[in-house]
Amino acid sequence: MILFPCCKINLGLNIVGVRPDGYHDIETVFYPIPLFDALEITEMDARFPSQSDCDLKVTGNKVDCDEQNNLVVKAYEVMRQAHPIPRVHIHLHKSIPSQAGLGGGSADAAYTLRLLNKLFDLGMTQEKLQKMAAKLGADCPFFIGDKAAYATGIGDILSTLDNFSLAGFWLGVVKPDISISTAEAYAKVKVEKTMISCLDIVRQDVDTWPGRLTNSFEASVYSGHPRLRQIKEKLYDMGADYAQMSGSGSAHFGIFRSKPTRLNEQFPDDFTFVCQL
């Protein structure tokens, strides 16, 4: 059985507080985009000589972790603690770049839960799957539903935005060969409550977003990686109505009224992706 995990961009990302446990409170709008990994799960034959109950094979883009430490395996283990599911083979083909701020790893984990639920007919509701996904990562619950959502808390409190859509716009994504760790991103980030939430801003016309819809990580990340600021500026030079770093980076996106046909030319050494939303 196969599913295709999508990824997301953040429309605004404000760090608004620090919790007693050291985590940060945020507000952001998660928006799914049609850039996909591929995830296949099959039941393992009882005679198959595997040392692991979850035999994972990763192809495509390189993932910087041991396969048994992958979130996909952790998702299987979390599910198995709740349900006595069989041993499995999992094939994950990576197309979504890692350490990009696009949530590819979280999507893979959430889709693993979804696929196990479907494959073994476990009957878990979306709400139960989201609670289970929260054990794996703050943005994992979003990928259980895959619909635009306003996220608060540590990113795990979701309000689905049924009437919000960027349909008809074009999206250009640029991921340079720069990796930003979560620890690095949070080390210098400024915590600041906002006068107007990103939710209120995204409900207005896209051409009103620049200068108002912000990502709290950009200032600190740009100070250490000035090329990232240049990517954002170039997206605007290409005609983007709005451009931003997604999550804690390093991927950037631009939202355009018409197809950005020269993205590969402008960023020949970087991963690029163009689609109509």
Protein backbone atom coordinates (compact mmCIF):
# COMPACT_ATOMS: atom_id res chain seq x y z
CA MET A 1 0.00 0.00 0.00
CA ILE A 2 1.38 3.39 -1.01
CA LEU A 3 0.76 6.99 0.06
CA PHE A 4 2.52 10.17 -1.03
CA PRO A 5 3.45 12.49 1.86
CA CYS A 6 3.27 16.15 0.90
CA CYS A 7 5.18 18.98 2.56
CA LYS A 8 4.22 22.47 3.74
CA ILE A 9 5.21 26.07 3.75
CA ASN A 10 4.71 28.46 6.66
CA LEU A 11 2.75 31.61 5.88
CA GLY A 12 4.20 33.75 8.62
CA LEU A 13 5.87 32.33 11.71
CA ASN A 14 5.92 34.27 14.96
CA ILE A 15 7.74 33.14 18.11
CA VAL A 16 5.46 34.61 20.75
CA GLY A 17 6.57 33.07 24.05
CA VAL A 18 8.78 30.62 25.94
CA ARG A 19 7.12 27.81 27.88
CA PRO A 20 8.23 26.52 31.31
CA ASP A 21 9.49 23.34 29.63
CA GLY A 22 11.81 25.36 27.40
CA TYR A 23 9.77 24.97 24.23
CA HIS A 24 8.53 28.02 22.36
CA ASP A 25 4.97 29.10 21.65
CA ILE A 26 4.42 29.99 18.03
CA GLU A 27 1.73 31.11 15.67
CA THR A 28 1.82 30.23 11.98
CA VAL A 29 -0.31 29.16 9.06
CA PHE A 30 0.65 25.78 7.65
CA TYR A 31 -0.14 25.44 3.96
CA PRO A 32 0.29 22.10 2.13
CA ILE A 33 2.10 22.11 -1.22
CA PRO A 34 2.24 19.39 -3.89
CA LEU A 35 5.85 18.32 -3.47
CA PHE A 36 5.78 14.68 -2.45
CA ASP A 37 7.78 11.79 -1.04
CA ALA A 38 6.57 8.23 -1.68
CA LEU A 39 5.87 5.82 1.17
CA GLU A 40 5.13 2.13 0.70
CA ILE A 41 4.41 -0.31 3.56
CA THR A 42 4.00 -4.07 3.23
CA GLU A 43 3.63 -6.72 5.88
CA MET A 44 6.81 -8.70 6.51
CA ASP A 45 6.68 -12.45 6.03
CA ALA A 46 7.21 -14.28 9.31
CA ARG A 47 10.16 -16.13 7.76
CA PHE A 48 11.99 -12.98 6.67
CA PRO A 49 15.32 -12.74 8.58
CA SER A 50 15.16 -9.13 9.75
CA GLN A 51 16.74 -7.89 12.97
CA SER A 52 14.24 -5.05 13.02
CA ASP A 53 10.46 -5.25 13.24
CA CYS A 54 10.39 -2.23 10.90
CA ASP A 55 12.68 -2.84 7.94
CA LEU A 56 13.16 0.60 6.36
CA LYS A 57 14.79 1.32 3.01
CA VAL A 58 15.34 4.96 2.00
CA THR A 59 16.01 5.98 -1.60
CA GLY A 60 16.12 9.30 -3.43
CA ASN A 61 17.50 12.32 -1.60
CA LYS A 62 20.04 11.62 1.10
CA VAL A 63 18.77 11.65 4.68
CA ASP A 64 21.31 12.56 7.35
CA CYS A 65 20.44 9.93 9.93
CA ASP A 66 20.64 6.19 10.43
CA GLU A 67 17.57 4.50 8.96
CA GLN A 68 16.57 3.01 12.32
CA ASN A 69 16.56 6.53 13.81
CA ASN A 70 14.28 7.84 11.07
CA LEU A 71 10.95 9.30 12.21
CA VAL A 72 9.22 6.72 10.03
CA VAL A 73 10.58 3.93 12.25
CA LYS A 74 9.68 5.89 15.37
CA ALA A 75 6.14 6.29 14.02
CA TYR A 76 5.89 2.52 13.57
CA GLU A 77 7.12 1.98 17.13
CA VAL A 78 4.59 4.45 18.55
CA MET A 79 1.79 2.77 16.66
CA ARG A 80 2.92 -0.69 17.77
CA GLN A 81 2.82 0.37 21.41
CA ALA A 82 -0.89 1.06 20.97
CA HIS A 83 -1.79 -1.75 18.56
CA PRO A 84 -0.21 -5.21 18.08
CA ILE A 85 0.60 -4.70 14.40
CA PRO A 86 2.84 -7.13 12.45
CA ARG A 87 6.42 -6.53 11.35
CA VAL A 88 6.68 -4.46 8.17
CA HIS A 89 8.87 -3.48 5.26
CA ILE A 90 8.82 0.25 4.51
CA HIS A 91 10.21 1.89 1.38
CA LEU A 92 10.57 5.66 1.64
CA HIS A 93 11.58 7.54 -1.50
CA LYS A 94 12.69 11.07 -0.64
CA SER A 95 12.00 13.95 -3.01
CA ILE A 96 11.34 16.62 -0.38
CA PRO A 97 14.68 18.15 0.66
CA SER A 98 15.72 17.65 4.28
CA GLN A 99 16.55 20.39 6.80
CA ALA A 100 14.60 22.81 4.66
CA GLY A 101 11.77 24.01 6.89
CA LEU A 102 9.28 22.16 4.67
CA GLY A 103 8.36 19.47 7.20
CA GLY A 104 9.28 16.50 5.03
CA GLY A 105 10.37 14.27 7.89
CA SER A 106 7.27 15.12 9.92
CA ALA A 107 5.08 14.39 6.91
CA ASP A 108 6.71 10.98 6.44
CA ALA A 109 6.09 10.11 10.09
CA ALA A 110 2.46 11.25 10.02
CA TYR A 111 1.78 9.40 6.79
CA THR A 112 3.32 6.27 8.30
CA LEU A 113 0.68 6.42 11.03
CA ARG A 114 -2.03 7.00 8.44
CA LEU A 115 -0.85 4.15 6.26
CA LEU A 116 -0.49 1.68 9.14
CA ASN A 117 -3.99 2.61 10.30
CA LYS A 118 -5.35 1.93 6.81
CA LEU A 119 -3.26 -1.16 6.02
CA PHE A 120 -4.16 -2.98 9.22
CA ASP A 121 -7.70 -1.61 9.50
CA LEU A 122 -7.13 -0.18 12.98
CA GLY A 123 -10.08 2.20 12.85
CA MET A 124 -8.26 5.13 14.45
CA THR A 125 -9.96 8.50 14.03
CA GLN A 126 -8.16 11.58 12.74
CA GLU A 127 -8.21 13.01 16.27
CA LYS A 128 -6.53 9.92 17.71
CA LEU A 129 -3.95 9.88 14.93
CA GLN A 130 -3.15 13.54 15.60
CA LYS A 131 -2.61 12.87 19.30
CA MET A 132 -0.30 10.01 18.41
CA ALA A 133 1.52 12.17 15.83
CA ALA A 134 2.16 14.85 18.48
CA LYS A 135 4.46 12.37 20.23
CA LEU A 136 6.73 12.45 17.18
CA GLY A 137 7.04 16.17 16.53
CA ALA A 138 5.25 19.48 16.91
CA ASP A 139 4.20 19.78 13.26
CA CYS A 140 3.40 16.09 12.72
CA PRO A 141 -0.31 16.45 13.62
CA PHE A 142 -0.79 18.87 10.71
CA PHE A 143 0.06 16.16 8.20
CA ILE A 144 -2.68 13.86 9.49
CA GLY A 145 -5.21 16.22 7.94
CA ASP A 146 -3.21 17.93 5.17
CA LYS A 147 -5.40 21.03 5.05
CA ALA A 148 -4.38 24.64 5.55
CA ALA A 149 -4.41 25.32 9.27
CA TYR A 150 -3.63 28.02 11.79
CA ALA A 151 -1.23 26.55 14.34
CA THR A 152 -0.52 27.74 17.88
CA GLY A 153 1.07 26.22 20.98
CA ILE A 154 4.27 24.55 19.81
CA GLY A 155 2.61 24.07 16.44
CA ASP A 156 0.37 21.25 17.60
CA ILE A 157 -2.87 23.17 18.26
CA LEU A 158 -4.57 23.34 14.87
CA SER A 159 -7.56 25.21 13.51
CA THR A 160 -8.38 24.11 9.97
CA LEU A 161 -8.91 26.98 7.51
CA ASP A 162 -11.63 25.60 5.28
CA ASN A 163 -12.27 28.89 3.47
CA PHE A 164 -8.64 29.87 2.81
CA SER A 165 -6.92 28.96 -0.45
CA LEU A 166 -4.09 30.13 -2.67
CA ALA A 167 -5.57 28.30 -5.66
CA GLY A 168 -4.52 29.89 -8.95
CA PHE A 169 -1.26 31.35 -7.63
CA TRP A 170 2.11 29.94 -8.67
CA LEU A 171 4.68 28.81 -6.12
CA GLY A 172 8.45 28.77 -6.52
CA VAL A 173 10.61 27.03 -3.91
CA VAL A 174 14.38 27.36 -3.59
CA LYS A 175 16.45 25.16 -1.24
CA PRO A 176 20.17 25.99 -1.21
CA ASP A 177 22.86 23.65 0.05
CA ILE A 178 22.66 25.21 3.50
CA SER A 179 21.28 23.33 6.48
CA ILE A 180 19.85 25.08 9.52
CA SER A 181 19.48 23.01 12.67
CA THR A 182 16.54 23.70 14.94
CA ALA A 183 18.96 24.48 17.78
CA GLU A 184 20.79 27.03 15.62
CA ALA A 185 17.55 28.66 14.54
CA TYR A 186 16.20 29.05 18.08
CA ALA A 187 19.53 30.11 19.64
CA LYS A 188 19.23 33.76 18.61
CA VAL A 189 15.57 34.12 17.75
CA LYS A 190 13.71 37.08 19.22
CA VAL A 191 10.57 36.30 21.19
CA GLU A 192 7.98 38.97 20.59
CA LYS A 193 4.20 39.11 20.77
CA THR A 194 2.65 40.46 17.59
CA MET A 195 0.17 43.31 17.18
CA ILE A 196 -1.71 41.36 14.50
CA SER A 197 -1.66 37.59 14.02
CA CYS A 198 -0.48 35.95 10.83
CA LEU A 199 -3.96 34.47 10.49
CA ASP A 200 -5.51 37.93 10.19
CA ILE A 201 -2.88 38.93 7.63
CA VAL A 202 -3.22 35.90 5.34
CA ARG A 203 -6.96 36.54 5.10
CA GLN A 204 -6.12 39.73 3.23
CA ASP A 205 -4.80 40.07 -0.34
CA VAL A 206 -1.39 38.51 -0.94
CA ASP A 207 0.08 41.78 -2.20
CA THR A 208 -0.53 43.27 1.27
CA TRP A 209 1.61 40.61 2.98
CA PRO A 210 5.16 41.97 2.42
CA GLY A 211 6.45 43.80 5.48
CA ARG A 212 3.52 42.55 7.57
CA LEU A 213 3.62 38.75 7.34
CA THR A 214 6.96 37.87 8.92
CA ASN A 215 9.07 34.92 9.99
CA SER A 216 10.77 35.42 13.37
CA PHE A 217 13.67 33.17 12.35
CA GLU A 218 14.76 35.25 9.39
CA ALA A 219 16.69 37.96 11.26
CA SER A 220 18.89 35.57 13.23
CA VAL A 221 19.33 33.03 10.43
CA TYR A 222 20.18 35.72 7.85
CA SER A 223 22.87 37.14 10.15
CA GLY A 224 24.75 33.84 9.93
CA HIS A 225 23.81 33.00 6.34
CA PRO A 226 23.60 36.20 4.27
CA ARG A 227 23.02 34.25 1.04
CA LEU A 228 19.56 33.31 2.31
CA ARG A 229 18.58 36.97 2.42
CA GLN A 230 19.79 37.27 -1.17
CA ILE A 231 17.53 34.38 -2.23
CA LYS A 232 14.51 36.17 -0.77
CA GLU A 233 15.47 39.42 -2.49
CA LYS A 234 15.93 37.66 -5.82
CA LEU A 235 12.48 36.06 -5.57
CA TYR A 236 11.03 39.56 -5.21
CA ASP A 237 13.16 40.75 -8.14
CA MET A 238 11.62 37.95 -10.21
CA GLY A 239 8.15 39.34 -9.54
CA ALA A 240 6.95 37.48 -6.45
CA ASP A 241 3.98 39.09 -4.73
CA TYR A 242 5.33 37.63 -1.49
CA ALA A 243 8.50 35.77 -0.47
CA GLN A 244 9.58 34.21 2.81
CA MET A 245 11.80 31.61 4.42
CA SER A 246 9.76 28.55 5.37
CA GLY A 247 9.97 27.38 8.97
CA SER A 248 13.51 27.64 10.33
CA GLY A 249 14.94 27.34 6.81
CA SER A 250 16.78 27.13 4.65
CA ALA A 251 14.12 26.76 1.91
CA HIS A 252 12.51 29.94 0.61
CA PHE A 253 9.36 30.34 -1.41
CA GLY A 254 7.82 32.98 -3.59
CA ILE A 255 4.13 33.34 -4.42
CA PHE A 256 3.57 34.60 -7.98
CA ARG A 257 0.62 35.67 -10.11
CA SER A 258 2.16 33.96 -13.16
CA LYS A 259 4.55 31.05 -13.61
CA PRO A 260 8.15 31.88 -12.60
CA THR A 261 9.76 30.40 -15.70
CA ARG A 262 13.38 31.33 -14.94
CA LEU A 263 13.74 29.85 -11.45
CA ASN A 264 16.28 27.24 -12.59
CA GLU A 265 18.32 29.91 -14.37
CA GLN A 266 18.36 32.19 -11.36
CA PHE A 267 19.27 29.38 -8.92
CA PRO A 268 21.24 26.87 -11.03
CA ASP A 269 23.08 25.29 -8.09
CA ASP A 270 20.06 24.91 -5.81
CA PHE A 271 17.04 22.64 -5.53
CA THR A 272 14.08 24.37 -7.15
CA PHE A 273 10.42 23.48 -7.47
CA VAL A 274 7.61 25.24 -9.32
CA CYS A 275 3.91 24.44 -9.23
CA GLN A 276 0.53 26.04 -9.53
CA LEU A 277 -1.40 25.94 -6.28
